[in-house]
Protein backbone atom coordinates (compact mmCIF):
# COMPACT_ATOMS: atom_id res chain seq x y z
CA MET A 1 110.52 85.04 87.13
CA ASN A 2 109.70 85.56 90.79
CA GLN A 3 112.09 85.09 93.71
CA THR A 4 111.05 81.48 94.32
CA ALA A 5 111.80 80.59 90.70
CA LEU A 6 115.08 82.48 90.92
CA ASN A 7 116.05 80.57 94.06
CA THR A 8 115.25 77.28 92.31
CA ALA A 9 117.29 78.25 89.23
CA VAL A 10 120.26 79.32 91.36
CA ALA A 11 120.08 76.06 93.31
CA ALA A 12 120.04 74.02 90.10
CA ALA A 13 122.85 75.99 88.45
CA SER A 14 125.14 76.06 91.48
CA GLY A 15 124.54 72.74 93.20
CA LEU A 16 123.39 74.53 96.34
CA SER A 17 120.38 73.39 98.32
CA GLN A 18 117.15 75.38 97.99
CA THR A 19 117.77 76.93 101.41
CA GLN A 20 121.36 77.89 100.59
CA ALA A 21 120.33 79.35 97.24
CA ALA A 22 117.53 81.37 98.86
CA ARG A 23 120.01 82.76 101.40
CA ALA A 24 122.47 83.65 98.63
CA VAL A 25 119.83 85.42 96.51
CA THR A 26 118.48 87.31 99.54
CA ALA A 27 122.00 88.31 100.59
CA LEU A 28 122.80 89.57 97.09
CA PHE A 29 119.72 91.79 96.94
CA ASP A 30 120.29 93.03 100.49
CA VAL A 31 123.82 94.13 99.60
CA VAL A 32 122.65 95.85 96.41
CA VAL A 33 119.83 97.68 98.22
CA ARG A 34 122.07 98.80 101.10
CA THR A 35 124.82 99.98 98.74
CA VAL A 36 122.47 101.95 96.47
CA THR A 37 120.65 103.39 99.50
CA ALA A 38 124.03 104.62 100.76
CA GLY A 39 124.40 106.56 97.50
CA GLU A 40 126.83 104.30 95.65
CA PRO A 41 126.10 102.63 92.31
CA VAL A 42 126.37 98.86 91.89
CA SER A 43 127.54 97.65 88.49
CA VAL A 44 127.40 94.00 87.43
CA THR A 45 129.17 93.39 84.13
CA ASN A 46 126.90 92.04 81.39
CA PHE A 47 123.85 92.52 83.61
CA GLY A 48 123.23 96.11 84.60
CA THR A 49 123.90 99.04 86.88
CA PHE A 50 121.84 100.11 89.87
CA ARG A 51 122.12 103.80 90.71
CA PRO A 52 120.48 105.96 93.33
CA ALA A 53 118.09 108.47 91.81
CA GLN A 54 116.34 111.53 93.15
CA ARG A 55 112.86 112.09 91.82
CA PRO A 56 110.73 115.16 92.27
CA PRO A 57 107.58 114.74 94.35
CA GLY A 58 104.68 113.41 92.35
CA ILE A 59 101.06 114.43 92.35
CA ARG A 60 98.69 111.58 93.05
CA ARG A 61 94.91 111.43 92.95
CA ASN A 62 92.60 109.06 94.78
CA PRO A 63 90.30 107.73 92.03
CA ARG A 64 87.43 107.14 94.48
CA THR A 65 87.35 110.56 96.10
CA GLY A 66 89.18 112.72 93.59
CA ASP A 67 91.38 114.03 96.39
CA GLY A 68 94.91 114.68 95.33
CA GLY A 69 98.06 116.19 96.61
CA VAL A 70 101.82 116.15 96.53
CA VAL A 71 103.46 112.96 97.64
CA HIS A 72 106.89 113.49 99.16
CA ARG A 73 109.44 110.78 98.70
């Protein structure tokens, strides 16, 4: 399901217009992203938990040139 389909499903389930549903879905994801970026987890019962994670730098290789190196995140 992509965001357009999600907006349509939310509109149908809630009685909101397509525009209102799209705003609600966008607002929800914006809040989740900002909260997790700030270092706090977001937990939605019966759905899931979003937590900030630190990953070590990865090594990537350009398949065309073979060049590789450490990618810092």
